[in-house]
């Protein structure tokens, strides 16, 4: 069963690159604004529905700032945080 994950980026370029990769995949995704309770450098995020064991596949070295699991109650569980390169 798929879960929803939120990817934050250090720059808009990271968002664009992941969007282009995901356009070639069957997973549902959308580009959105970063939720107010979270912070990220560029202000854009990607919400992705994928199997729980695949979320790391979509992390981009030097571009992904953080990844969160979207909880049913509207909260976010941080899974990873990455430094900018």
N, C-alpha and C. Protein backbone atom coordinates (compact mmCIF):
# COMPACT_ATOMS: atom_id res chain seq x y z
N UNK A 1 0.84 -1.19 0.00
CA UNK A 1 0.00 0.00 0.00
C UNK A 1 0.88 1.25 0.00
N UNK A 2 0.52 2.21 -0.82
CA UNK A 2 1.29 3.44 -0.91
C UNK A 2 1.03 4.35 0.28
N UNK A 3 2.07 5.13 0.62
CA UNK A 3 1.96 6.16 1.63
C UNK A 3 2.34 7.48 0.97
N UNK A 4 2.02 8.58 1.65
CA UNK A 4 2.35 9.90 1.10
C UNK A 4 3.58 10.45 1.81
N UNK A 5 4.52 10.95 1.00
CA UNK A 5 5.76 11.52 1.51
C UNK A 5 5.90 12.94 0.99
N UNK A 6 6.56 13.78 1.78
CA UNK A 6 6.78 15.18 1.43
C UNK A 6 8.28 15.41 1.32
N UNK A 7 8.72 15.87 0.17
CA UNK A 7 10.14 16.13 -0.09
C UNK A 7 10.36 17.64 -0.13
N UNK A 8 11.32 18.12 0.68
CA UNK A 8 11.69 19.53 0.69
C UNK A 8 13.06 19.65 0.03
N UNK A 9 13.32 20.81 -0.56
CA UNK A 9 14.53 20.99 -1.36
C UNK A 9 15.30 22.23 -0.95
N UNK A 10 16.61 22.20 -1.21
CA UNK A 10 17.47 23.34 -0.92
C UNK A 10 17.26 24.46 -1.95
N UNK A 11 16.83 24.09 -3.17
CA UNK A 11 16.62 25.09 -4.21
C UNK A 11 15.50 24.64 -5.14
N UNK A 12 15.00 25.55 -5.92
CA UNK A 12 13.95 25.25 -6.88
C UNK A 12 14.42 24.23 -7.92
N UNK A 13 15.69 24.26 -8.25
CA UNK A 13 16.23 23.33 -9.23
C UNK A 13 16.03 21.88 -8.78
N UNK A 14 16.19 21.59 -7.50
CA UNK A 14 15.96 20.24 -7.00
C UNK A 14 14.52 19.81 -7.20
N UNK A 15 13.60 20.72 -6.98
CA UNK A 15 12.18 20.43 -7.19
C UNK A 15 11.91 20.10 -8.65
N UNK A 16 12.45 20.89 -9.54
CA UNK A 16 12.25 20.69 -10.97
C UNK A 16 12.85 19.36 -11.42
N UNK A 17 14.03 19.04 -10.95
CA UNK A 17 14.68 17.78 -11.36
C UNK A 17 13.88 16.56 -10.90
N UNK A 18 13.41 16.58 -9.65
CA UNK A 18 12.63 15.43 -9.19
C UNK A 18 11.30 15.36 -9.93
N UNK A 19 10.66 16.49 -10.17
CA UNK A 19 9.41 16.48 -10.93
C UNK A 19 9.60 15.83 -12.29
N UNK A 20 10.68 16.15 -12.97
CA UNK A 20 10.94 15.56 -14.29
C UNK A 20 11.13 14.05 -14.20
N UNK A 21 11.81 13.58 -13.16
CA UNK A 21 11.98 12.13 -12.97
C UNK A 21 10.63 11.46 -12.71
N UNK A 22 9.82 12.08 -11.86
CA UNK A 22 8.54 11.48 -11.48
C UNK A 22 7.53 11.48 -12.62
N UNK A 23 7.65 12.39 -13.55
CA UNK A 23 6.74 12.41 -14.70
C UNK A 23 6.86 11.12 -15.52
N UNK A 24 7.98 10.43 -15.40
CA UNK A 24 8.20 9.18 -16.15
C UNK A 24 7.79 7.95 -15.34
N UNK A 25 7.22 8.16 -14.15
CA UNK A 25 6.86 7.07 -13.24
C UNK A 25 5.35 6.99 -13.07
N UNK A 26 4.85 5.85 -12.58
CA UNK A 26 3.40 5.71 -12.37
C UNK A 26 2.91 6.29 -11.04
N UNK A 27 3.80 6.79 -10.20
CA UNK A 27 3.40 7.30 -8.89
C UNK A 27 2.67 8.64 -9.00
N UNK A 28 1.67 8.82 -8.15
CA UNK A 28 0.98 10.11 -8.07
C UNK A 28 1.86 11.08 -7.30
N UNK A 29 1.95 12.31 -7.79
CA UNK A 29 2.73 13.34 -7.09
C UNK A 29 2.18 14.71 -7.47
N UNK A 30 2.56 15.69 -6.67
CA UNK A 30 2.24 17.08 -7.03
C UNK A 30 3.25 18.01 -6.39
N UNK A 31 3.55 19.09 -7.07
CA UNK A 31 4.39 20.14 -6.53
C UNK A 31 3.49 21.05 -5.71
N UNK A 32 3.96 21.45 -4.53
CA UNK A 32 3.15 22.29 -3.64
C UNK A 32 4.06 23.23 -2.85
N UNK A 33 3.45 24.12 -2.12
CA UNK A 33 4.20 24.98 -1.21
C UNK A 33 4.58 24.19 0.04
N UNK A 34 5.69 24.56 0.66
CA UNK A 34 6.10 23.91 1.90
C UNK A 34 5.11 24.31 2.99
N UNK A 35 4.59 23.35 3.75
CA UNK A 35 3.68 23.68 4.84
C UNK A 35 4.33 24.65 5.83
N UNK A 36 3.53 25.52 6.43
CA UNK A 36 4.06 26.57 7.30
C UNK A 36 4.86 26.03 8.49
N UNK A 37 4.46 24.88 9.03
CA UNK A 37 5.16 24.37 10.21
C UNK A 37 6.52 23.76 9.87
N UNK A 38 6.81 23.61 8.60
CA UNK A 38 8.10 23.10 8.16
C UNK A 38 8.86 24.23 7.47
N UNK A 39 10.16 24.06 7.28
CA UNK A 39 10.91 25.10 6.59
C UNK A 39 11.82 24.48 5.55
N UNK A 40 12.01 25.21 4.47
CA UNK A 40 12.93 24.77 3.42
C UNK A 40 13.41 25.98 2.66
N UNK A 41 14.57 25.84 2.05
CA UNK A 41 15.21 26.95 1.36
C UNK A 41 14.39 27.55 0.23
N UNK A 42 13.77 26.72 -0.60
CA UNK A 42 13.15 27.27 -1.81
C UNK A 42 11.65 27.50 -1.67
N UNK A 43 11.01 26.94 -0.66
CA UNK A 43 9.57 27.15 -0.48
C UNK A 43 8.69 26.21 -1.26
N UNK A 44 9.28 25.36 -2.14
CA UNK A 44 8.51 24.39 -2.89
C UNK A 44 8.80 22.98 -2.38
N UNK A 45 7.80 22.13 -2.48
CA UNK A 45 7.93 20.74 -2.04
C UNK A 45 7.23 19.84 -3.05
N UNK A 46 7.48 18.56 -2.92
CA UNK A 46 6.77 17.56 -3.73
C UNK A 46 6.12 16.56 -2.79
N UNK A 47 4.82 16.34 -2.99
CA UNK A 47 4.08 15.29 -2.28
C UNK A 47 4.01 14.10 -3.20
N UNK A 48 4.50 12.96 -2.71
CA UNK A 48 4.60 11.77 -3.53
C UNK A 48 3.94 10.59 -2.85
N UNK A 49 3.12 9.87 -3.60
CA UNK A 49 2.53 8.62 -3.12
C UNK A 49 3.35 7.47 -3.69
N UNK A 50 3.97 6.69 -2.80
CA UNK A 50 4.78 5.55 -3.23
C UNK A 50 4.82 4.51 -2.13
N UNK A 51 5.29 3.30 -2.43
CA UNK A 51 5.42 2.28 -1.39
C UNK A 51 6.39 2.76 -0.31
N UNK A 52 6.16 2.39 0.95
CA UNK A 52 7.00 2.86 2.05
C UNK A 52 8.48 2.50 1.91
N UNK A 53 8.79 1.44 1.20
CA UNK A 53 10.19 1.06 1.05
C UNK A 53 10.88 1.74 -0.13
N UNK A 54 10.18 2.66 -0.81
CA UNK A 54 10.75 3.35 -1.98
C UNK A 54 11.08 4.81 -1.74
N UNK A 55 10.72 5.39 -0.61
CA UNK A 55 10.87 6.84 -0.44
C UNK A 55 12.31 7.30 -0.62
N UNK A 56 13.30 6.50 -0.20
CA UNK A 56 14.70 6.92 -0.31
C UNK A 56 15.18 6.96 -1.76
N UNK A 57 14.53 6.20 -2.60
CA UNK A 57 14.91 6.16 -4.02
C UNK A 57 14.82 7.56 -4.66
N UNK A 58 13.93 8.40 -4.16
CA UNK A 58 13.66 9.69 -4.79
C UNK A 58 14.45 10.84 -4.15
N UNK A 59 15.31 10.54 -3.19
CA UNK A 59 16.17 11.57 -2.59
C UNK A 59 17.30 11.88 -3.55
N UNK A 60 17.57 13.16 -3.72
CA UNK A 60 18.61 13.60 -4.65
C UNK A 60 19.75 14.22 -3.85
N UNK A 61 20.91 13.62 -3.95
CA UNK A 61 22.06 14.09 -3.19
C UNK A 61 22.34 15.56 -3.48
N UNK A 62 22.46 16.35 -2.43
CA UNK A 62 22.77 17.77 -2.56
C UNK A 62 21.57 18.64 -2.88
N UNK A 63 20.43 18.05 -3.22
CA UNK A 63 19.25 18.83 -3.58
C UNK A 63 18.08 18.63 -2.62
N UNK A 64 17.90 17.39 -2.14
CA UNK A 64 16.83 17.13 -1.17
C UNK A 64 17.27 17.64 0.19
N UNK A 65 16.43 18.46 0.81
CA UNK A 65 16.74 19.01 2.14
C UNK A 65 16.20 18.11 3.24
N UNK A 66 15.00 17.57 3.06
CA UNK A 66 14.39 16.71 4.07
C UNK A 66 13.25 15.92 3.45
N UNK A 67 12.90 14.82 4.12
CA UNK A 67 11.77 14.00 3.69
C UNK A 67 10.92 13.71 4.93
N UNK A 68 9.61 13.85 4.76
CA UNK A 68 8.65 13.61 5.83
C UNK A 68 7.59 12.63 5.36
N UNK A 69 7.11 11.81 6.26
CA UNK A 69 5.92 10.99 5.99
C UNK A 69 4.71 11.82 6.39
N UNK A 70 3.72 11.89 5.53
CA UNK A 70 2.49 12.63 5.81
C UNK A 70 1.56 11.71 6.61
N UNK A 71 1.23 12.12 7.80
CA UNK A 71 0.38 11.32 8.68
C UNK A 71 -1.09 11.61 8.41
N UNK A 72 -1.96 10.68 8.77
CA UNK A 72 -3.40 10.81 8.53
C UNK A 72 -4.00 12.00 9.27
N UNK A 73 -3.41 12.38 10.40
CA UNK A 73 -3.95 13.49 11.20
C UNK A 73 -3.46 14.85 10.71
N UNK A 74 -2.73 14.87 9.58
CA UNK A 74 -2.24 16.13 9.03
C UNK A 74 -0.86 16.52 9.53
N UNK A 75 -0.29 15.72 10.41
CA UNK A 75 1.04 15.98 10.94
C UNK A 75 2.09 15.39 10.01
N UNK A 76 3.36 15.68 10.27
CA UNK A 76 4.46 15.19 9.46
C UNK A 76 5.50 14.51 10.35
N UNK A 77 5.96 13.35 9.95
CA UNK A 77 7.02 12.65 10.67
C UNK A 77 8.30 12.75 9.85
N UNK A 78 9.32 13.38 10.42
CA UNK A 78 10.58 13.53 9.70
C UNK A 78 11.27 12.18 9.58
N UNK A 79 11.65 11.84 8.35
CA UNK A 79 12.36 10.59 8.08
C UNK A 79 13.84 10.81 7.86
N UNK A 80 14.19 11.94 7.25
CA UNK A 80 15.60 12.23 6.96
C UNK A 80 15.79 13.73 6.71
N UNK A 81 16.99 14.19 7.01
CA UNK A 81 17.38 15.58 6.73
C UNK A 81 18.78 15.52 6.12
N UNK A 82 18.99 16.29 5.05
CA UNK A 82 20.24 16.23 4.30
C UNK A 82 20.87 17.62 4.18
N UNK A 83 22.20 17.71 4.26
CA UNK A 83 22.86 19.00 4.09
C UNK A 83 22.93 19.41 2.63
N UNK A 84 23.06 20.68 2.39
CA UNK A 84 23.27 21.18 1.02
C UNK A 84 24.70 20.88 0.63
N UNK A 85 24.93 20.68 -0.64
CA UNK A 85 26.32 20.39 -1.08
C UNK A 85 27.01 21.66 -1.50
